Amino acid sequence: GGLDDKDRTEKILGQEYATIFFNECSQIPWSSRNMAITRLAQNTPLRLKAFYDCNPPSDMHWFIERAIQRTK
């Protein structure tokens, strides 16, 4: 759907998904990620999942804080 700017992010509101793939999440703002996660709500027997893909961002990026350091 495109989460790199606010107008594109708001277009996903009203949609529901069983799976979300965040491609190049180092370019996605934390607020856009949070809005997209609320759309992970499709009524289906599938497990709801989110996947993240990125090139290594700086150590200050939300992805490093939330995902990588959390696994240590």
Protein backbone atom coordinates (compact mmCIF):
# COMPACT_ATOMS: atom_id res chain seq x y z
CA GLY A 1 0.00 0.00 0.00
CA GLY A 2 2.93 2.35 0.52
CA LEU A 3 3.78 3.64 3.98
CA ASP A 4 6.47 6.15 3.11
CA ASP A 5 4.24 9.21 3.51
CA LYS A 6 1.10 10.10 5.48
CA ASP A 7 -1.32 10.31 2.52
CA ARG A 8 -0.40 6.85 1.26
CA THR A 9 -0.51 5.41 4.77
CA GLU A 10 -4.07 6.62 5.36
CA LYS A 11 -5.24 4.77 2.23
CA ILE A 12 -4.87 1.43 4.04
CA LEU A 13 -7.43 2.41 6.67
CA GLY A 14 -10.61 0.42 6.21
CA GLN A 15 -8.69 -2.59 4.88
CA GLU A 16 -8.04 -5.78 6.83
CA TYR A 17 -5.16 -8.17 6.21
CA ALA A 18 -4.03 -11.57 7.47
CA THR A 19 -0.41 -10.85 6.54
CA ILE A 20 1.56 -7.62 6.23
CA PHE A 21 5.01 -7.44 4.67
CA PHE A 22 6.99 -4.31 5.55
CA ASN A 23 9.47 -4.00 2.69
CA GLU A 24 12.43 -1.67 3.31
CA CYS A 25 11.11 -0.88 6.78
CA SER A 26 14.13 1.36 7.37
CA GLN A 27 12.24 3.90 5.21
CA ILE A 28 8.92 3.54 7.06
CA PRO A 29 8.17 5.86 9.98
CA TRP A 30 7.21 4.25 13.31
CA SER A 31 3.79 5.94 13.22
CA SER A 32 3.07 4.43 9.78
CA ARG A 33 4.09 0.99 10.99
CA ASN A 34 1.76 1.33 13.98
CA MET A 35 -1.16 2.33 11.76
CA ALA A 36 -0.51 -0.61 9.43
CA ILE A 37 -0.40 -3.08 12.33
CA THR A 38 -3.95 -2.08 13.27
CA ARG A 39 -5.01 -3.41 9.85
CA LEU A 40 -3.72 -6.87 10.77
CA ALA A 41 -7.25 -7.93 11.66
CA GLN A 42 -8.72 -10.05 8.88
CA ASN A 43 -11.32 -12.56 10.10
CA THR A 44 -9.71 -15.76 8.82
CA PRO A 45 -8.51 -19.10 10.17
CA LEU A 46 -4.96 -18.04 9.20
CA ARG A 47 -2.60 -16.81 11.90
CA LEU A 48 -2.16 -13.06 11.62
CA LYS A 49 1.50 -12.25 10.85
CA ALA A 50 3.74 -9.30 10.09
CA PHE A 51 7.08 -9.68 8.28
CA TYR A 52 9.88 -7.11 8.14
CA ASP A 53 12.59 -6.63 5.54
CA CYS A 54 15.26 -3.96 5.49
CA ASN A 55 18.81 -2.99 4.72
CA PRO A 56 20.69 -2.41 7.95
CA PRO A 57 19.54 0.98 9.25
CA SER A 58 21.36 3.08 11.81
CA ASP A 59 21.33 1.89 15.41
CA MET A 60 18.86 4.66 16.24
CA HIS A 61 16.12 3.39 13.89
CA TRP A 62 12.93 1.94 15.43
CA PHE A 63 13.51 -1.41 13.72
CA ILE A 64 16.80 -1.94 15.56
CA GLU A 65 15.28 -0.87 18.88
CA ARG A 66 12.11 -2.94 18.60
CA ALA A 67 13.19 -6.06 16.76
CA ILE A 68 16.90 -6.77 16.89
CA GLN A 69 17.75 -5.65 20.42
CA ARG A 70 14.61 -7.36 21.71
CA THR A 71 15.96 -10.75 20.62
CA LYS A 72 19.18 -10.44 22.68
